[in-house]
Amino acid sequence: MLRVLLVDDQELMRMGFRMVLDAQDDLEIVGEAGNGAEAVELAERLRPDVVLMDVRMPVLDGVEATRRIVAADSAKVLVVTTFDLDEYALSALRNGASGFLLKDAPPESLVTAVRSVASGDAVVAPSVTKRLLDRFLGERGGQLRDASVLDVLTDREREVLVLVAKGLSNAEIAGKLFLSEATVKTHLGRVLSKLDIRDRVQAVVLAYETGLVKPGEA
């Protein structure tokens, strides 16, 4: 069972999340919090696998709560919010969130995101990813990072990184490259290790940073 902590200052929203997640045989809601301070305390005490975290809350906001939870290694954090704003996505990811999803995402996307984050993958809403990259590249003025940082990768690892950056899941990459999903996970793990990056989100950013993948490429 994957243990999930729900954090949102709106009780009705928590009820909605609970209904969706409780319907899954492999997910268990172990607690609820109405603000970031409660979330930090419960995460430390209950040690859930994933914290479903709102952003704008009283007492302590979701970004700071995420930072504290990740720093204490209490759980992985999936930020879920109605606010489709770059600064929230950037702040949450910079403070260790493993995912960023909008509250208008379909229920099946929420369930998949929780499972993905628990398994070590990172999840970012496609609309947020595009705007994060647009903003990032805009701030850089089109200037790219030295691509030689990728020289440590094998051809296959580079292929996997390209497909990750284009938004494909491990299963989709496996199908495209005629590999097993376990082999794709192994390749991705080596990519992260060789490039000294934390997760899938940072891999996507690095791929765009170095010009390996360009905005708008299918």
Protein backbone atom coordinates (compact mmCIF):
# COMPACT_ATOMS: atom_id res chain seq x y z
CA MET A 1 0.00 0.00 0.00
CA LEU A 2 1.16 3.53 -0.81
CA ARG A 3 0.51 5.86 2.12
CA VAL A 4 -0.74 9.35 1.24
CA LEU A 5 -1.10 12.50 3.36
CA LEU A 6 -3.62 15.09 2.11
CA VAL A 7 -2.82 18.78 2.69
CA ASP A 8 -5.32 21.50 1.70
CA ASP A 9 -7.00 24.28 3.65
CA GLN A 10 -10.34 23.47 1.98
CA GLU A 11 -12.06 20.47 3.56
CA LEU A 12 -14.21 19.87 0.48
CA MET A 13 -11.09 19.61 -1.66
CA ARG A 14 -9.57 17.08 0.72
CA MET A 15 -12.81 15.10 0.58
CA GLY A 16 -12.62 15.05 -3.20
CA PHE A 17 -9.03 13.83 -3.18
CA ARG A 18 -9.92 11.18 -0.59
CA MET A 19 -12.80 9.87 -2.72
CA VAL A 20 -10.56 9.53 -5.77
CA LEU A 21 -7.59 7.95 -3.99
CA ASP A 22 -9.53 5.73 -1.56
CA ALA A 23 -11.12 4.03 -4.57
CA GLN A 24 -7.71 2.57 -5.47
CA ASP A 25 -6.70 -0.75 -3.93
CA ASP A 26 -3.05 0.26 -3.57
CA LEU A 27 -3.52 3.73 -2.03
CA GLU A 28 -4.25 4.53 1.63
CA ILE A 29 -4.99 7.98 3.10
CA VAL A 30 -3.12 8.08 6.41
CA GLY A 31 -3.93 11.66 7.46
CA GLU A 32 -5.13 15.15 6.54
CA ALA A 33 -3.80 18.63 7.29
CA GLY A 34 -5.34 22.07 6.78
CA ASN A 35 -2.12 24.08 6.67
CA GLY A 36 1.59 23.69 6.01
CA ALA A 37 2.63 23.58 9.66
CA GLU A 38 0.28 20.65 10.33
CA ALA A 39 1.60 18.99 7.18
CA VAL A 40 5.21 19.15 8.38
CA GLU A 41 4.29 17.71 11.79
CA LEU A 42 2.13 14.92 10.35
CA ALA A 43 4.66 14.01 7.66
CA GLU A 44 7.36 13.60 10.29
CA ARG A 45 5.10 11.53 12.54
CA LEU A 46 3.26 9.41 9.96
CA ARG A 47 6.03 9.02 7.35
CA PRO A 48 3.72 8.75 4.31
CA ASP A 49 5.08 7.81 0.89
CA VAL A 50 3.57 10.88 -0.77
CA VAL A 51 2.24 14.21 0.51
CA LEU A 52 -0.42 15.79 -1.70
CA MET A 53 0.32 19.47 -1.05
CA ASP A 54 -1.69 22.63 -1.71
CA VAL A 55 0.25 25.88 -2.20
CA ARG A 56 -1.72 28.78 -0.72
CA MET A 57 -2.57 27.96 2.89
CA PRO A 58 -2.66 29.75 6.25
CA VAL A 59 0.06 29.50 8.94
CA LEU A 60 2.64 28.05 6.55
CA ASP A 61 2.39 27.91 2.75
CA GLY A 62 2.88 24.77 0.70
CA VAL A 63 6.24 25.79 -0.75
CA GLU A 64 7.89 26.23 2.65
CA ALA A 65 6.15 23.10 3.97
CA THR A 66 7.53 21.20 0.98
CA ARG A 67 11.04 22.46 1.70
CA ARG A 68 10.87 21.32 5.33
CA ILE A 69 9.36 17.91 4.52
CA VAL A 70 11.93 17.16 1.83
CA ALA A 71 14.81 18.43 3.99
CA ALA A 72 13.71 16.08 6.78
CA ASP A 73 13.34 13.23 4.27
CA SER A 74 9.84 12.64 5.66
CA ALA A 75 8.13 11.99 2.31
CA LYS A 76 7.98 12.85 -1.37
CA VAL A 77 5.76 15.80 -2.24
CA LEU A 78 3.29 16.20 -5.08
CA VAL A 79 2.05 19.79 -5.27
CA VAL A 80 -1.57 20.11 -6.45
CA THR A 81 -2.98 23.60 -6.89
CA THR A 82 -5.55 25.69 -8.75
CA PHE A 83 -2.92 28.36 -9.41
CA ASP A 84 -1.33 27.75 -12.81
CA LEU A 85 1.45 30.28 -12.15
CA ASP A 86 5.12 29.92 -12.98
CA GLU A 87 6.44 31.16 -9.64
CA TYR A 88 4.58 28.46 -7.73
CA ALA A 89 5.85 25.71 -9.99
CA LEU A 90 9.40 27.02 -9.87
CA SER A 91 9.36 27.52 -6.11
CA ALA A 92 7.87 24.11 -5.40
CA LEU A 93 10.31 22.30 -7.68
CA ARG A 94 13.29 24.26 -6.39
CA ASN A 95 12.31 23.30 -2.86
CA GLY A 96 12.25 19.60 -3.62
CA ALA A 97 8.74 18.77 -4.86
CA SER A 98 8.70 15.69 -7.07
CA GLY A 99 5.67 16.84 -9.01
CA PHE A 100 3.34 19.71 -9.83
CA LEU A 101 -0.23 19.03 -10.92
CA LEU A 102 -3.23 21.31 -11.42
CA LYS A 103 -6.45 20.63 -9.54
CA ASP A 104 -8.42 20.50 -12.77
CA ALA A 105 -6.47 17.43 -13.88
CA PRO A 106 -8.61 14.31 -14.46
CA PRO A 107 -8.88 11.89 -11.51
CA GLU A 108 -6.87 9.24 -13.38
CA SER A 109 -4.02 11.74 -13.83
CA LEU A 110 -3.97 12.38 -10.08
CA VAL A 111 -3.82 8.66 -9.32
CA THR A 112 -1.06 8.11 -11.87
CA ALA A 113 0.90 11.08 -10.52
CA VAL A 114 0.77 9.78 -6.93
CA ARG A 115 2.02 6.37 -8.04
CA SER A 116 4.74 7.90 -10.22
CA VAL A 117 6.06 10.17 -7.46
CA ALA A 118 6.04 7.28 -4.98
CA SER A 119 8.09 5.17 -7.40
CA GLY A 120 10.72 7.89 -7.77
CA ASP A 121 9.57 9.57 -10.96
CA ALA A 122 8.78 13.27 -11.23
CA VAL A 123 5.54 14.62 -12.64
CA VAL A 124 4.81 18.11 -13.97
CA ALA A 125 1.57 19.21 -15.64
CA PRO A 126 2.28 19.58 -19.40
CA SER A 127 0.98 23.17 -19.50
CA VAL A 128 3.27 24.11 -16.63
CA THR A 129 6.27 22.37 -18.20
CA LYS A 130 5.91 24.32 -21.43
CA ARG A 131 5.65 27.68 -19.68
CA LEU A 132 8.50 26.87 -17.30
CA LEU A 133 10.73 26.12 -20.25
CA ASP A 134 9.57 29.19 -22.17
CA ARG A 135 10.31 31.33 -19.13
CA PHE A 136 13.63 29.64 -18.47
CA LEU A 137 14.84 30.06 -22.03
CA GLY A 138 13.54 33.62 -22.09
CA GLU A 139 15.51 34.49 -18.97
CA ARG A 140 18.59 33.01 -20.60
CA GLY A 141 18.03 35.12 -23.70
CA GLY A 142 18.37 32.02 -25.80
CA GLN A 143 21.86 31.32 -24.42
CA LEU A 144 22.44 27.59 -23.99
CA ARG A 145 24.59 25.68 -21.54
CA ASP A 146 27.71 23.93 -22.86
CA ALA A 147 26.43 20.65 -24.30
CA SER A 148 29.70 18.87 -23.52
CA VAL A 149 28.19 18.07 -20.11
CA LEU A 150 26.26 15.34 -21.97
CA ASP A 151 29.42 13.67 -23.31
CA VAL A 152 29.39 11.22 -20.38
CA LEU A 153 26.21 9.61 -21.76
CA THR A 154 26.10 6.65 -24.10
CA ASP A 155 24.07 6.94 -27.32
CA ARG A 156 21.24 4.95 -25.75
CA GLU A 157 21.22 7.07 -22.59
CA ARG A 158 21.08 10.18 -24.76
CA GLU A 159 18.12 8.71 -26.66
CA VAL A 160 16.32 8.08 -23.38
CA LEU A 161 17.01 11.62 -22.17
CA VAL A 162 15.58 13.08 -25.39
CA LEU A 163 12.37 11.09 -25.02
CA VAL A 164 12.05 11.98 -21.32
CA ALA A 165 12.42 15.66 -22.27
CA LYS A 166 9.67 15.24 -24.87
CA GLY A 167 7.30 14.07 -22.14
CA LEU A 168 7.19 10.32 -22.73
CA SER A 169 6.62 7.96 -19.81
CA ASN A 170 8.94 5.02 -19.16
CA ALA A 171 6.40 2.66 -20.73
CA GLU A 172 6.14 4.85 -23.84
CA ILE A 173 9.93 5.07 -24.12
CA ALA A 174 10.17 1.28 -23.79
CA GLY A 175 7.72 0.83 -26.65
CA LYS A 176 9.47 3.35 -28.86
CA LEU A 177 12.96 1.93 -28.31
CA PHE A 178 11.86 -1.75 -28.17
CA LEU A 179 13.19 -2.15 -24.64
CA SER A 180 11.69 -3.43 -21.41
CA GLU A 181 10.41 -0.82 -18.98
CA ALA A 182 12.94 -2.07 -16.42
CA THR A 183 15.76 -1.41 -18.90
CA VAL A 184 14.48 2.12 -19.51
CA LYS A 185 14.47 2.74 -15.74
CA THR A 186 18.06 1.50 -15.56
CA HIS A 187 19.14 3.82 -18.38
CA LEU A 188 17.34 6.78 -16.79
CA GLY A 189 18.94 6.04 -13.44
CA ARG A 190 22.37 6.12 -15.07
CA VAL A 191 21.52 9.41 -16.81
CA LEU A 192 20.60 11.01 -13.49
CA SER A 193 23.69 9.63 -11.78
CA LYS A 194 26.14 10.63 -14.52
CA LEU A 195 24.72 14.13 -14.84
CA ASP A 196 24.43 14.55 -11.05
CA ILE A 197 20.76 15.57 -11.18
CA ARG A 198 17.96 14.66 -8.79
CA ASP A 199 15.02 13.62 -10.90
CA ARG A 200 13.10 13.60 -14.18
CA VAL A 201 12.21 17.30 -13.91
CA GLN A 202 15.85 18.35 -13.71
CA ALA A 203 16.63 16.00 -16.61
CA VAL A 204 14.03 17.78 -18.77
CA VAL A 205 15.44 21.20 -17.89
CA LEU A 206 18.99 20.08 -18.65
CA ALA A 207 17.96 18.67 -22.03
CA TYR A 208 16.52 22.05 -23.00
CA GLU A 209 19.41 23.93 -21.37
CA THR A 210 21.94 22.21 -23.55
CA GLY A 211 19.90 22.39 -26.75
CA LEU A 212 19.49 18.60 -26.91
CA VAL A 213 15.78 19.25 -27.29
CA LYS A 214 14.29 22.48 -28.58
CA PRO A 215 10.92 24.02 -27.59
CA GLY A 216 8.15 22.95 -29.93
CA GLU A 217 9.83 19.73 -31.07
CA ALA A 218 7.38 16.84 -31.25
